[in-house]
Amino acid sequence: MKIFVELMECSKCDRRFLKIEGEGACSCKETHGHLVQSFLTQLPQDTINRICSDHGVQVPEGAYSCQIYGRTYYIPPRMMGGIERYIIEGIIPGQFLQAVICNDMKEAFGRADDENFHLMPAYVNYFYNEAPAPCWGSRKDMDTWAKLIRERRKKDAKKKPV
């Protein structure tokens, strides 16, 4: 797994220090510095596990999760239901998920609760990598997908003998 690392220069004492995934400070306790270089690097799995454990990263059971620059993001199970109903049954979800599906990130961030606000990369990752491409991207794509799925389900229901 790769992790994002920044080489920083202290604003107070000019020493250099590493920030790993946004965490880190100079020995003089200064946390604000000037970026010198940023890069992706490979860390041993035990180091990654320790970092996750130190930061209390626990992905709930049943959640979709992904690693982006070594940081774990997930879609809470309570939100996966709305996504699955939309993709499988054509049921339009609430306003937050509609904004995500329509690729309107300004609106999505504005409608996100405290938990989902910080997990937005997981939503983008899910729709980009896991969801059918025609089901997201714009309001028109969302409406077309929902209509198509509902019509298909109606058609299938008529075909089944009672």
N, C-alpha and C. Protein backbone atom coordinates (compact mmCIF):
# COMPACT_ATOMS: atom_id res chain seq x y z
N MET A 1 0.83 -1.17 0.00
CA MET A 1 0.00 0.00 0.00
C MET A 1 0.88 1.24 0.00
N LYS A 2 0.48 2.24 -0.78
CA LYS A 2 1.26 3.47 -0.82
C LYS A 2 0.62 4.51 0.08
N ILE A 3 1.44 5.38 0.61
CA ILE A 3 0.97 6.38 1.54
C ILE A 3 1.57 7.74 1.16
N PHE A 4 0.80 8.79 1.36
CA PHE A 4 1.21 10.13 0.99
C PHE A 4 2.09 10.73 2.09
N VAL A 5 3.25 11.23 1.72
CA VAL A 5 4.20 11.80 2.67
C VAL A 5 4.61 13.18 2.17
N GLU A 6 4.73 14.13 3.10
CA GLU A 6 5.19 15.47 2.76
C GLU A 6 6.45 15.79 3.55
N LEU A 7 7.43 16.31 2.89
CA LEU A 7 8.63 16.81 3.55
C LEU A 7 8.38 18.29 3.80
N MET A 8 8.38 18.68 5.07
CA MET A 8 8.04 20.05 5.46
C MET A 8 9.25 20.75 6.04
N GLU A 9 9.25 22.06 5.95
CA GLU A 9 10.28 22.87 6.59
C GLU A 9 9.58 23.72 7.63
N CYS A 10 10.06 23.67 8.87
CA CYS A 10 9.43 24.34 10.00
C CYS A 10 9.43 25.86 9.79
N SER A 11 8.29 26.48 10.08
CA SER A 11 8.17 27.93 9.95
C SER A 11 8.92 28.65 11.07
N LYS A 12 9.11 27.93 12.19
CA LYS A 12 9.69 28.56 13.37
C LYS A 12 11.21 28.41 13.42
N CYS A 13 11.72 27.17 13.18
CA CYS A 13 13.16 26.92 13.38
C CYS A 13 13.89 26.46 12.11
N ASP A 14 13.21 26.36 10.99
CA ASP A 14 13.77 25.97 9.70
C ASP A 14 14.25 24.52 9.61
N ARG A 15 13.97 23.67 10.62
CA ARG A 15 14.29 22.25 10.51
C ARG A 15 13.30 21.60 9.57
N ARG A 16 13.69 20.45 9.05
CA ARG A 16 12.78 19.70 8.18
C ARG A 16 12.19 18.52 8.95
N PHE A 17 10.94 18.22 8.64
CA PHE A 17 10.27 17.09 9.28
C PHE A 17 9.29 16.48 8.28
N LEU A 18 8.87 15.23 8.55
CA LEU A 18 7.94 14.54 7.67
C LEU A 18 6.53 14.62 8.24
N LYS A 19 5.58 14.83 7.36
CA LYS A 19 4.17 14.71 7.70
C LYS A 19 3.66 13.51 6.93
N ILE A 20 3.17 12.52 7.65
CA ILE A 20 2.61 11.33 7.01
C ILE A 20 1.10 11.44 7.11
N GLU A 21 0.45 11.53 5.95
CA GLU A 21 -1.00 11.65 5.88
C GLU A 21 -1.50 12.78 6.77
N GLY A 22 -0.84 13.91 6.72
CA GLY A 22 -1.29 15.09 7.46
C GLY A 22 -0.88 15.12 8.91
N GLU A 23 -0.24 14.06 9.43
CA GLU A 23 0.17 14.01 10.82
C GLU A 23 1.67 14.22 10.93
N GLY A 24 2.09 15.06 11.83
CA GLY A 24 3.52 15.25 12.05
C GLY A 24 3.82 16.69 12.42
N ALA A 25 4.86 16.87 13.20
CA ALA A 25 5.27 18.20 13.61
C ALA A 25 6.77 18.20 13.84
N CYS A 26 7.35 19.38 13.83
CA CYS A 26 8.77 19.55 14.10
C CYS A 26 9.03 19.29 15.59
N SER A 27 10.26 19.00 15.95
CA SER A 27 10.59 18.76 17.35
C SER A 27 10.35 20.00 18.22
N CYS A 28 10.29 21.18 17.62
CA CYS A 28 9.99 22.39 18.40
C CYS A 28 8.48 22.54 18.59
N LYS A 29 7.71 21.53 18.19
CA LYS A 29 6.25 21.45 18.33
C LYS A 29 5.49 22.34 17.36
N GLU A 30 6.18 22.91 16.40
CA GLU A 30 5.52 23.72 15.38
C GLU A 30 4.83 22.76 14.39
N THR A 31 3.54 22.94 14.17
CA THR A 31 2.82 22.06 13.25
C THR A 31 2.66 22.68 11.87
N HIS A 32 2.87 23.97 11.76
CA HIS A 32 2.73 24.63 10.46
C HIS A 32 4.09 24.77 9.83
N GLY A 33 4.20 24.38 8.59
CA GLY A 33 5.46 24.47 7.90
C GLY A 33 5.25 24.77 6.44
N HIS A 34 6.33 24.86 5.73
CA HIS A 34 6.29 25.09 4.29
C HIS A 34 6.59 23.78 3.59
N LEU A 35 5.78 23.46 2.59
CA LEU A 35 5.97 22.23 1.85
C LEU A 35 7.25 22.31 1.03
N VAL A 36 8.11 21.32 1.20
CA VAL A 36 9.34 21.23 0.42
C VAL A 36 9.14 20.23 -0.71
N GLN A 37 8.55 19.07 -0.39
CA GLN A 37 8.34 18.02 -1.38
C GLN A 37 7.22 17.12 -0.88
N SER A 38 6.43 16.58 -1.81
CA SER A 38 5.44 15.57 -1.43
C SER A 38 5.63 14.38 -2.36
N PHE A 39 5.36 13.20 -1.83
CA PHE A 39 5.58 12.00 -2.62
C PHE A 39 4.79 10.84 -2.05
N LEU A 40 4.61 9.81 -2.86
CA LEU A 40 4.02 8.56 -2.42
C LEU A 40 5.15 7.61 -2.10
N THR A 41 5.00 6.85 -1.04
CA THR A 41 6.04 5.90 -0.69
C THR A 41 5.40 4.61 -0.19
N GLN A 42 6.14 3.54 -0.26
CA GLN A 42 5.69 2.23 0.20
C GLN A 42 6.13 2.05 1.65
N LEU A 43 5.21 1.74 2.53
CA LEU A 43 5.55 1.47 3.92
C LEU A 43 5.25 0.01 4.23
N PRO A 44 6.00 -0.59 5.15
CA PRO A 44 5.72 -1.98 5.54
C PRO A 44 4.31 -2.09 6.12
N GLN A 45 3.66 -3.25 5.92
CA GLN A 45 2.29 -3.43 6.37
C GLN A 45 2.15 -3.22 7.87
N ASP A 46 3.13 -3.65 8.68
CA ASP A 46 3.00 -3.46 10.13
C ASP A 46 3.00 -1.97 10.49
N THR A 47 3.74 -1.15 9.74
CA THR A 47 3.74 0.29 9.97
C THR A 47 2.38 0.88 9.62
N ILE A 48 1.83 0.44 8.50
CA ILE A 48 0.51 0.91 8.08
C ILE A 48 -0.54 0.52 9.12
N ASN A 49 -0.49 -0.73 9.60
CA ASN A 49 -1.43 -1.18 10.62
C ASN A 49 -1.31 -0.35 11.89
N ARG A 50 -0.07 -0.03 12.30
CA ARG A 50 0.14 0.78 13.49
C ARG A 50 -0.45 2.18 13.31
N ILE A 51 -0.21 2.78 12.12
CA ILE A 51 -0.74 4.13 11.86
C ILE A 51 -2.27 4.11 11.91
N CYS A 52 -2.88 3.11 11.26
CA CYS A 52 -4.34 3.01 11.29
C CYS A 52 -4.84 2.84 12.71
N SER A 53 -4.19 1.98 13.48
CA SER A 53 -4.58 1.74 14.86
C SER A 53 -4.41 2.99 15.71
N ASP A 54 -3.29 3.70 15.53
CA ASP A 54 -3.04 4.94 16.28
C ASP A 54 -4.09 6.00 16.01
N HIS A 55 -4.64 6.00 14.80
CA HIS A 55 -5.62 7.01 14.43
C HIS A 55 -7.05 6.50 14.55
N GLY A 56 -7.20 5.31 15.08
CA GLY A 56 -8.54 4.77 15.32
C GLY A 56 -9.34 4.50 14.06
N VAL A 57 -8.68 4.17 12.96
CA VAL A 57 -9.39 3.90 11.72
C VAL A 57 -9.98 2.50 11.79
N GLN A 58 -11.29 2.44 11.83
CA GLN A 58 -11.99 1.17 11.82
C GLN A 58 -13.13 1.29 10.82
N VAL A 59 -13.16 0.40 9.86
CA VAL A 59 -14.20 0.43 8.85
C VAL A 59 -15.36 -0.42 9.37
N PRO A 60 -16.58 0.14 9.43
CA PRO A 60 -17.73 -0.63 9.90
C PRO A 60 -18.01 -1.82 9.00
N GLU A 61 -18.51 -2.89 9.59
CA GLU A 61 -18.85 -4.08 8.82
C GLU A 61 -19.97 -3.74 7.85
N GLY A 62 -19.86 -4.21 6.63
CA GLY A 62 -20.88 -3.96 5.61
C GLY A 62 -20.66 -2.66 4.85
N ALA A 63 -19.61 -1.93 5.17
CA ALA A 63 -19.34 -0.66 4.48
C ALA A 63 -18.45 -0.91 3.27
N TYR A 64 -18.62 -0.07 2.25
CA TYR A 64 -17.69 -0.07 1.12
C TYR A 64 -16.49 0.74 1.59
N SER A 65 -15.27 0.24 1.38
CA SER A 65 -14.09 1.00 1.80
C SER A 65 -13.06 1.02 0.69
N CYS A 66 -12.20 2.03 0.73
CA CYS A 66 -11.14 2.16 -0.26
C CYS A 66 -9.96 2.87 0.39
N GLN A 67 -8.81 2.69 -0.21
CA GLN A 67 -7.58 3.35 0.23
C GLN A 67 -7.22 4.39 -0.82
N ILE A 68 -7.06 5.63 -0.40
CA ILE A 68 -6.65 6.70 -1.30
C ILE A 68 -5.45 7.38 -0.66
N TYR A 69 -4.33 7.32 -1.33
CA TYR A 69 -3.07 7.84 -0.78
C TYR A 69 -2.81 7.28 0.62
N GLY A 70 -3.14 6.01 0.82
CA GLY A 70 -2.86 5.35 2.09
C GLY A 70 -3.86 5.63 3.18
N ARG A 71 -4.83 6.47 2.94
CA ARG A 71 -5.85 6.79 3.95
C ARG A 71 -7.11 5.98 3.65
N THR A 72 -7.74 5.47 4.69
CA THR A 72 -8.94 4.66 4.52
C THR A 72 -10.19 5.53 4.55
N TYR A 73 -11.02 5.37 3.54
CA TYR A 73 -12.32 6.04 3.48
C TYR A 73 -13.37 4.96 3.30
N TYR A 74 -14.58 5.21 3.78
CA TYR A 74 -15.63 4.21 3.61
C TYR A 74 -16.99 4.89 3.45
N ILE A 75 -17.91 4.15 2.86
CA ILE A 75 -19.30 4.58 2.78
C ILE A 75 -20.02 3.82 3.88
N PRO A 76 -20.63 4.53 4.84
CA PRO A 76 -21.32 3.85 5.94
C PRO A 76 -22.41 2.91 5.42
N PRO A 77 -22.60 1.78 6.10
CA PRO A 77 -23.64 0.84 5.67
C PRO A 77 -25.02 1.50 5.54
N ARG A 78 -25.33 2.47 6.41
CA ARG A 78 -26.63 3.14 6.35
C ARG A 78 -26.83 3.89 5.03
N MET A 79 -25.72 4.25 4.36
CA MET A 79 -25.81 4.96 3.08
C MET A 79 -25.79 4.00 1.89
N MET A 80 -25.22 2.81 2.08
CA MET A 80 -25.13 1.85 0.98
C MET A 80 -26.52 1.39 0.52
N GLY A 81 -27.47 1.33 1.45
CA GLY A 81 -28.82 0.93 1.09
C GLY A 81 -29.42 1.84 0.03
N GLY A 82 -29.29 3.15 0.21
CA GLY A 82 -29.81 4.11 -0.76
C GLY A 82 -29.12 3.99 -2.11
N ILE A 83 -27.82 3.76 -2.07
CA ILE A 83 -27.06 3.62 -3.32
C ILE A 83 -27.51 2.35 -4.05
N GLU A 84 -27.62 1.25 -3.32
CA GLU A 84 -28.02 -0.02 -3.93
C GLU A 84 -29.45 0.04 -4.47
N ARG A 85 -30.37 0.67 -3.70
CA ARG A 85 -31.75 0.80 -4.19
C ARG A 85 -31.80 1.61 -5.48
N TYR A 86 -30.97 2.64 -5.55
CA TYR A 86 -30.93 3.46 -6.76
C TYR A 86 -30.40 2.64 -7.95
N ILE A 87 -29.27 1.97 -7.76
CA ILE A 87 -28.64 1.24 -8.87
C ILE A 87 -29.48 0.03 -9.29
N ILE A 88 -30.03 -0.71 -8.34
CA ILE A 88 -30.73 -1.96 -8.64
C ILE A 88 -32.21 -1.76 -8.95
N GLU A 89 -32.86 -0.83 -8.22
CA GLU A 89 -34.30 -0.67 -8.36
C GLU A 89 -34.73 0.64 -9.02
N GLY A 90 -33.79 1.56 -9.23
CA GLY A 90 -34.13 2.84 -9.86
C GLY A 90 -34.82 3.82 -8.93
N ILE A 91 -34.67 3.63 -7.61
CA ILE A 91 -35.30 4.52 -6.63
C ILE A 91 -34.34 5.68 -6.36
N ILE A 92 -34.79 6.90 -6.66
CA ILE A 92 -33.96 8.09 -6.46
C ILE A 92 -33.73 8.29 -4.96
N PRO A 93 -32.47 8.44 -4.54
CA PRO A 93 -32.16 8.60 -3.10
C PRO A 93 -32.37 10.04 -2.63
N GLY A 94 -31.96 10.30 -1.39
CA GLY A 94 -32.07 11.64 -0.80
C GLY A 94 -31.16 12.65 -1.48
N GLN A 95 -31.27 13.90 -1.05
CA GLN A 95 -30.59 14.99 -1.74
C GLN A 95 -29.07 14.90 -1.70
N PHE A 96 -28.50 14.42 -0.61
CA PHE A 96 -27.05 14.28 -0.55
C PHE A 96 -26.57 13.29 -1.62
N LEU A 97 -27.16 12.10 -1.64
CA LEU A 97 -26.75 11.10 -2.63
C LEU A 97 -27.08 11.53 -4.05
N GLN A 98 -28.18 12.25 -4.23
CA GLN A 98 -28.48 12.77 -5.56
C GLN A 98 -27.36 13.68 -6.04
N ALA A 99 -26.86 14.55 -5.17
CA ALA A 99 -25.78 15.47 -5.54
C ALA A 99 -24.52 14.69 -5.91
N VAL A 100 -24.21 13.63 -5.14
CA VAL A 100 -23.04 12.80 -5.45
C VAL A 100 -23.23 12.13 -6.81
N ILE A 101 -24.38 11.52 -7.02
CA ILE A 101 -24.67 10.82 -8.27
C ILE A 101 -24.61 11.77 -9.46
N CYS A 102 -25.08 13.00 -9.26
CA CYS A 102 -25.08 14.00 -10.35
C CYS A 102 -23.72 14.66 -10.51
N ASN A 103 -22.75 14.24 -9.71
CA ASN A 103 -21.39 14.77 -9.78
C ASN A 103 -21.36 16.27 -9.47
N ASP A 104 -22.26 16.70 -8.57
CA ASP A 104 -22.33 18.09 -8.13
C ASP A 104 -21.69 18.15 -6.74
N MET A 105 -20.37 18.22 -6.71
CA MET A 105 -19.65 18.13 -5.43
C MET A 105 -19.91 19.33 -4.53
N LYS A 106 -20.13 20.49 -5.09
CA LYS A 106 -20.46 21.67 -4.26
C LYS A 106 -21.73 21.39 -3.47
N GLU A 107 -22.75 20.90 -4.15
CA GLU A 107 -24.01 20.57 -3.50
C GLU A 107 -23.85 19.40 -2.53
N ALA A 108 -23.08 18.39 -2.92
CA ALA A 108 -22.87 17.22 -2.06
C ALA A 108 -22.20 17.61 -0.75
N PHE A 109 -21.14 18.41 -0.83
CA PHE A 109 -20.49 18.85 0.41
C PHE A 109 -21.43 19.70 1.25
N GLY A 110 -22.25 20.50 0.60
CA GLY A 110 -23.20 21.34 1.32
C GLY A 110 -24.29 20.54 2.02
N ARG A 111 -24.63 19.39 1.47
CA ARG A 111 -25.71 18.57 2.05
C ARG A 111 -25.20 17.43 2.94
N ALA A 112 -23.90 17.20 2.95
CA ALA A 112 -23.32 16.10 3.73
C ALA A 112 -23.42 16.37 5.22
N ASP A 113 -23.68 15.30 6.00
CA ASP A 113 -23.60 15.44 7.45
C ASP A 113 -22.12 15.38 7.86
N ASP A 114 -21.85 15.50 9.14
CA ASP A 114 -20.46 15.55 9.61
C ASP A 114 -19.67 14.31 9.21
N GLU A 115 -20.28 13.14 9.29
CA GLU A 115 -19.58 11.91 8.95
C GLU A 115 -19.29 11.83 7.45
N ASN A 116 -20.32 12.03 6.63
CA ASN A 116 -20.15 11.89 5.19
C ASN A 116 -19.29 12.98 4.58
N PHE A 117 -19.26 14.15 5.18
CA PHE A 117 -18.41 15.24 4.70
C PHE A 117 -16.96 14.78 4.60
N HIS A 118 -16.51 14.04 5.60
CA HIS A 118 -15.11 13.60 5.64
C HIS A 118 -14.87 12.31 4.85
N LEU A 119 -15.94 11.69 4.39
CA LEU A 119 -15.81 10.43 3.67
C LEU A 119 -16.09 10.58 2.17
N MET A 120 -16.18 11.81 1.70
CA MET A 120 -16.54 12.08 0.31
C MET A 120 -15.65 11.32 -0.71
N PRO A 121 -14.33 11.17 -0.46
CA PRO A 121 -13.53 10.41 -1.44
C PRO A 121 -14.05 8.99 -1.68
N ALA A 122 -14.64 8.36 -0.67
CA ALA A 122 -15.17 7.00 -0.85
C ALA A 122 -16.34 7.00 -1.82
N TYR A 123 -17.19 8.01 -1.76
CA TYR A 123 -18.33 8.09 -2.68
C TYR A 123 -17.86 8.26 -4.12
N VAL A 124 -16.92 9.17 -4.31
CA VAL A 124 -16.39 9.40 -5.66
C VAL A 124 -15.73 8.12 -6.17
N ASN A 125 -14.93 7.48 -5.31
CA ASN A 125 -14.25 6.24 -5.69
C ASN A 125 -15.27 5.17 -6.06
N TYR A 126 -16.32 5.04 -5.27
CA TYR A 126 -17.33 4.01 -5.52
C TYR A 126 -18.01 4.21 -6.88
N PHE A 127 -18.49 5.42 -7.12
CA PHE A 127 -19.20 5.64 -8.37
C PHE A 127 -18.26 5.55 -9.57
N TYR A 128 -17.04 5.98 -9.42
CA TYR A 128 -16.08 5.93 -10.53
C TYR A 128 -15.64 4.49 -10.83
N ASN A 129 -15.41 3.69 -9.78
CA ASN A 129 -14.83 2.35 -9.95
C ASN A 129 -15.80 1.19 -9.86
N GLU A 130 -16.93 1.36 -9.20
CA GLU A 130 -17.81 0.22 -8.92
C GLU A 130 -19.18 0.32 -9.59
N ALA A 131 -19.74 1.51 -9.65
CA ALA A 131 -21.10 1.68 -10.17
C ALA A 131 -21.10 1.63 -11.70
N PRO A 132 -22.22 1.20 -12.29
CA PRO A 132 -22.31 1.24 -13.75
C PRO A 132 -22.13 2.67 -14.26
N ALA A 133 -21.30 2.85 -15.26
CA ALA A 133 -20.98 4.20 -15.76
C ALA A 133 -22.21 5.01 -16.16
N PRO A 134 -23.23 4.41 -16.80
CA PRO A 134 -24.37 5.23 -17.22
C PRO A 134 -25.25 5.73 -16.07
N CYS A 135 -25.03 5.25 -14.85
CA CYS A 135 -25.95 5.60 -13.75
C CYS A 135 -25.57 6.88 -13.02
N TRP A 136 -24.46 7.50 -13.36
CA TRP A 136 -24.05 8.69 -12.62
C TRP A 136 -23.32 9.67 -13.54
N GLY A 137 -23.16 10.89 -13.07
CA GLY A 137 -22.40 11.89 -13.82
C GLY A 137 -23.14 13.21 -13.98
N SER A 138 -24.48 13.14 -14.11
CA SER A 138 -25.27 14.36 -14.26
C SER A 138 -26.70 14.06 -13.83
N ARG A 139 -27.50 15.10 -13.68
CA ARG A 139 -28.91 14.93 -13.32
C ARG A 139 -29.62 14.12 -14.40
N LYS A 140 -29.31 14.40 -15.66
CA LYS A 140 -29.92 13.67 -16.78
C LYS A 140 -29.56 12.19 -16.71
N ASP A 141 -28.29 11.89 -16.43
CA ASP A 141 -27.86 10.49 -16.31
C ASP A 141 -28.63 9.78 -15.19
N MET A 142 -28.78 10.47 -14.05
CA MET A 142 -29.48 9.87 -12.91
C MET A 142 -30.94 9.60 -13.27
N ASP A 143 -31.62 10.59 -13.83
CA ASP A 143 -33.03 10.42 -14.18
C ASP A 143 -33.23 9.34 -15.25
N THR A 144 -32.36 9.33 -16.25
CA THR A 144 -32.43 8.32 -17.32
C THR A 144 -32.23 6.92 -16.75
N TRP A 145 -31.23 6.77 -15.86
CA TRP A 145 -30.95 5.46 -15.26
C TRP A 145 -32.16 4.97 -14.44
N ALA A 146 -32.69 5.85 -13.58
CA ALA A 146 -33.81 5.46 -12.73
C ALA A 146 -35.01 5.03 -13.58
N LYS A 147 -35.30 5.80 -14.61
CA LYS A 147 -36.42 5.47 -15.49
C LYS A 147 -36.19 4.13 -16.20
N LEU A 148 -34.98 3.94 -16.72
CA LEU A 148 -34.63 2.71 -17.42
C LEU A 148 -34.79 1.49 -16.49
N ILE A 149 -34.27 1.58 -15.29
CA ILE A 149 -34.34 0.45 -14.34
C ILE A 149 -35.78 0.18 -13.94
N ARG A 150 -36.55 1.22 -13.65
CA ARG A 150 -37.96 1.02 -13.26
C ARG A 150 -38.74 0.36 -14.40
N GLU A 151 -38.52 0.82 -15.63
CA GLU A 151 -39.21 0.22 -16.79
C GLU A 151 -38.82 -1.24 -16.97
N ARG A 152 -37.53 -1.51 -16.81
CA ARG A 152 -37.03 -2.88 -16.95
C ARG A 152 -37.64 -3.78 -15.88
N ARG A 153 -37.74 -3.29 -14.66
CA ARG A 153 -38.32 -4.08 -13.56
C ARG A 153 -39.81 -4.34 -13.81
N LYS A 154 -40.53 -3.33 -14.32
CA LYS A 154 -41.95 -3.50 -14.65
C LYS A 154 -42.12 -4.57 -15.73
N LYS A 155 -41.28 -4.47 -16.75
CA LYS A 155 -41.32 -5.42 -17.87
C LYS A 155 -41.05 -6.84 -17.37
N ASP A 156 -40.05 -6.98 -16.51
CA ASP A 156 -39.71 -8.30 -15.95
C ASP A 156 -40.84 -8.84 -15.09
N ALA A 157 -41.50 -7.96 -14.34
CA ALA A 157 -42.62 -8.39 -13.48
C ALA A 157 -43.79 -8.91 -14.32
N LYS A 158 -44.02 -8.30 -15.48
CA LYS A 158 -45.12 -8.75 -16.37
C LYS A 158 -44.83 -10.11 -16.98
N LYS A 159 -43.54 -10.38 -17.22
CA LYS A 159 -43.13 -11.65 -17.85
C LYS A 159 -43.29 -12.84 -16.92
N LYS A 160 -43.14 -12.61 -15.60
CA LYS A 160 -43.18 -13.72 -14.64
C LYS A 160 -44.61 -14.25 -14.51
N PRO A 161 -44.74 -15.57 -14.66
CA PRO A 161 -46.08 -16.15 -14.47
C PRO A 161 -46.46 -16.16 -12.99
N VAL A 162 -47.73 -15.98 -12.74
CA VAL A 162 -48.22 -15.93 -11.35
C VAL A 162 -48.62 -17.26 -10.87
